[in-house]
Amino acid sequence: MNRVDQLLTNFAVYEDATNWIGVADVELPSFEILTETLKGAGLAGEIASPVKGHYGSQTLKINFRTVTADAVRLSETKVHSIDLRGSQQIFDAGKGEYRDQPIVIKTRCVPTNFSTGKFGVGAPTETANEFEVHYIKIAVDGKTLREFDKLNFVSIVNGKDELEEVRKNLGL
């Protein structure tokens, strides 16, 4: 199939898999691999060596249009399970057809910042919640593509757990 990934048609934000949070846009976390710089005898310079399965701090940010009860509740210092469920538009060039593809991103995270935003006449308040992500799972079309759990030493990429041997070596 000559498939053209086009766009995210729409999405919804849920807490605890059932509580719809409201109208928002979301800034997703990045996977910045931790590295150690190697230099010394036998190397012609420096090499940034990745630490397999280890990543820097990951943040999730939810931007609301106004101050809401949900935004305030999400600022409570506890673990929040936040799910994003979306529909991506794909174009099948061979068939000349559009199709919709599900994407689900599940997270467990704790709040690190709550910004109530600003007041402006006829304008959104730009209220925002920021979280430190402890766990994230990305599934597209029902297939898990990425799963990362910092606290349980799990880092799965395309079905392969990068930390399986590390857990074994540590007796975990």
Protein backbone atom coordinates (compact mmCIF):
# COMPACT_ATOMS: atom_id res chain seq x y z
CA MET A 1 0.00 0.00 0.00
CA ASN A 2 1.29 3.47 -0.90
CA ARG A 3 0.24 5.01 2.40
CA VAL A 4 0.51 8.72 3.14
CA ASP A 5 0.28 9.63 6.83
CA GLN A 6 -1.51 12.97 6.85
CA LEU A 7 -2.69 14.37 10.17
CA LEU A 8 -4.32 13.88 13.54
CA THR A 9 -8.03 14.36 12.81
CA ASN A 10 -8.96 14.87 16.45
CA PHE A 11 -8.29 13.56 19.94
CA ALA A 12 -9.67 13.44 23.46
CA VAL A 13 -7.92 13.63 26.84
CA TYR A 14 -8.98 11.34 29.69
CA GLU A 15 -7.91 10.82 33.28
CA ASP A 16 -8.14 7.29 34.69
CA ALA A 17 -9.31 6.08 31.23
CA THR A 18 -12.89 7.33 31.77
CA ASN A 19 -12.99 10.97 32.93
CA TRP A 20 -13.00 13.27 29.91
CA ILE A 21 -10.82 16.24 30.80
CA GLY A 22 -12.09 18.86 28.35
CA VAL A 23 -10.95 21.01 25.46
CA ALA A 24 -7.18 21.15 25.43
CA ASP A 25 -4.07 20.79 23.36
CA VAL A 26 -1.19 18.64 24.54
CA GLU A 27 2.59 18.85 24.23
CA LEU A 28 3.93 15.29 24.23
CA PRO A 29 7.15 14.15 25.92
CA SER A 30 10.35 13.57 23.98
CA PHE A 31 12.73 10.62 24.34
CA GLU A 32 16.13 12.25 24.87
CA ILE A 33 18.62 9.42 25.31
CA LEU A 34 21.12 9.85 28.13
CA THR A 35 24.69 9.86 26.82
CA GLU A 36 28.18 9.69 28.23
CA THR A 37 31.07 11.32 26.40
CA LEU A 38 33.94 8.92 25.74
CA LYS A 39 37.43 10.21 25.05
CA GLY A 40 40.91 8.89 25.51
CA ALA A 41 43.60 6.66 24.08
CA GLY A 42 42.52 4.84 20.95
CA LEU A 43 39.83 7.38 20.00
CA ALA A 44 40.35 10.18 17.49
CA GLY A 45 38.22 12.65 19.41
CA GLU A 46 35.04 12.26 21.43
CA ILE A 47 32.05 9.93 21.08
CA ALA A 48 28.65 10.52 22.66
CA SER A 49 27.74 7.01 23.77
CA PRO A 50 24.03 6.35 24.43
CA VAL A 51 23.03 4.69 27.70
CA LYS A 52 20.68 2.00 26.34
CA GLY A 53 17.11 2.31 27.63
CA HIS A 54 17.78 5.44 29.73
CA TYR A 55 16.22 8.82 28.98
CA GLY A 56 16.23 12.31 30.40
CA SER A 57 13.30 13.93 32.16
CA GLN A 58 10.09 13.65 30.16
CA THR A 59 7.34 16.24 30.42
CA LEU A 60 3.73 16.27 29.32
CA LYS A 61 1.94 19.61 29.11
CA ILE A 62 -1.81 20.09 28.85
CA ASN A 63 -2.94 23.54 27.73
CA PHE A 64 -6.52 24.53 28.56
CA ARG A 65 -8.48 27.43 27.12
CA THR A 66 -9.77 28.51 30.54
CA VAL A 67 -9.32 27.78 34.24
CA THR A 68 -11.34 24.61 34.84
CA ALA A 69 -12.09 22.32 37.77
CA ASP A 70 -10.25 19.54 35.90
CA ALA A 71 -7.13 21.68 35.46
CA VAL A 72 -7.10 22.49 39.18
CA ARG A 73 -7.72 18.83 40.12
CA LEU A 74 -4.81 17.74 37.92
CA SER A 75 -2.50 19.97 39.97
CA GLU A 76 -3.02 17.72 43.01
CA THR A 77 0.34 16.19 43.97
CA LYS A 78 -0.30 12.54 43.20
CA VAL A 79 0.13 10.14 40.28
CA HIS A 80 -2.32 10.88 37.45
CA SER A 81 -3.13 8.42 34.67
CA ILE A 82 -3.67 10.52 31.56
CA ASP A 83 -4.74 8.94 28.27
CA LEU A 84 -4.83 10.56 24.86
CA ARG A 85 -7.05 8.87 22.29
CA GLY A 86 -6.85 10.10 18.76
CA SER A 87 -7.71 9.36 15.17
CA GLN A 88 -5.07 9.83 12.48
CA GLN A 89 -5.98 10.37 8.84
CA ILE A 90 -4.15 8.11 6.37
CA PHE A 91 -4.45 8.32 2.60
CA ASP A 92 -4.13 5.10 0.57
CA ALA A 93 -2.81 6.44 -2.74
CA GLY A 94 -3.24 3.06 -4.48
CA LYS A 95 -6.96 2.91 -3.72
CA GLY A 96 -7.54 6.65 -3.66
CA GLU A 97 -9.15 6.31 -0.20
CA TYR A 98 -8.83 7.91 3.19
CA ARG A 99 -8.89 5.80 6.31
CA ASP A 100 -8.83 6.57 10.00
CA GLN A 101 -6.22 5.00 12.23
CA PRO A 102 -6.47 4.93 16.05
CA ILE A 103 -3.62 6.20 18.20
CA VAL A 104 -3.59 5.84 21.99
CA ILE A 105 -0.98 7.32 24.30
CA LYS A 106 -1.19 6.27 27.93
CA THR A 107 0.82 7.98 30.65
CA ARG A 108 1.34 7.94 34.39
CA CYS A 109 2.70 11.21 35.62
CA VAL A 110 2.96 13.66 38.51
CA PRO A 111 2.35 17.42 38.35
CA THR A 112 5.36 19.73 38.37
CA ASN A 113 3.72 23.03 37.40
CA PHE A 114 0.25 24.56 37.29
CA SER A 115 -0.09 27.89 35.52
CA THR A 116 -3.45 29.60 35.86
CA GLY A 117 -2.55 31.75 32.85
CA LYS A 118 -3.73 35.29 32.30
CA PHE A 119 -6.90 37.31 32.03
CA GLY A 120 -7.57 39.19 28.80
CA VAL A 121 -10.89 40.42 27.48
CA GLY A 122 -12.28 37.99 24.89
CA ALA A 123 -9.21 35.75 25.13
CA PRO A 124 -8.38 32.31 26.51
CA THR A 125 -6.61 32.20 29.88
CA GLU A 126 -3.97 29.76 28.57
CA THR A 127 -4.14 27.70 31.75
CA ALA A 128 -1.61 24.85 31.73
CA ASN A 129 -0.62 21.77 33.68
CA GLU A 130 2.87 20.31 33.37
CA PHE A 131 3.78 16.79 34.45
CA GLU A 132 6.84 14.60 34.91
CA VAL A 133 6.15 11.38 33.02
CA HIS A 134 7.05 8.11 34.78
CA TYR A 135 5.38 5.81 32.24
CA ILE A 136 4.31 6.16 28.62
CA LYS A 137 2.87 3.69 26.11
CA ILE A 138 2.23 4.56 22.45
CA ALA A 139 -0.06 2.29 20.41
CA VAL A 140 -1.02 2.85 16.77
CA ASP A 141 -3.66 0.68 15.08
CA GLY A 142 -3.74 -1.51 18.20
CA LYS A 143 0.01 -2.27 18.05
CA THR A 144 2.30 -1.08 20.86
CA LEU A 145 5.17 0.80 19.21
CA ARG A 146 6.81 2.29 22.31
CA GLU A 147 6.55 1.62 26.04
CA PHE A 148 8.78 3.21 28.64
CA ASP A 149 8.51 2.73 32.40
CA LYS A 150 11.35 4.43 34.32
CA LEU A 151 10.45 2.96 37.70
CA ASN A 152 10.20 -0.65 36.48
CA PHE A 153 13.17 -0.68 34.05
CA VAL A 154 11.11 -1.27 30.90
CA SER A 155 12.02 0.29 27.55
CA ILE A 156 10.25 -1.40 24.64
CA VAL A 157 10.84 -0.19 21.09
CA ASN A 158 8.99 -2.01 18.28
CA GLY A 159 8.47 -5.11 20.42
CA LYS A 160 12.03 -5.37 21.78
CA ASP A 161 12.74 -4.59 25.45
CA GLU A 162 16.07 -2.75 25.56
CA LEU A 163 16.37 -3.32 29.32
CA GLU A 164 15.46 -7.01 29.55
CA GLU A 165 19.09 -8.12 30.06
CA VAL A 166 19.77 -5.21 32.42
CA ARG A 167 16.85 -6.29 34.65
CA LYS A 168 18.17 -9.85 34.58
CA ASN A 169 21.70 -8.71 35.46
CA LEU A 170 20.34 -6.63 38.36
CA GLY A 171 18.15 -9.45 39.66
CA LEU A 172 14.95 -7.50 39.01
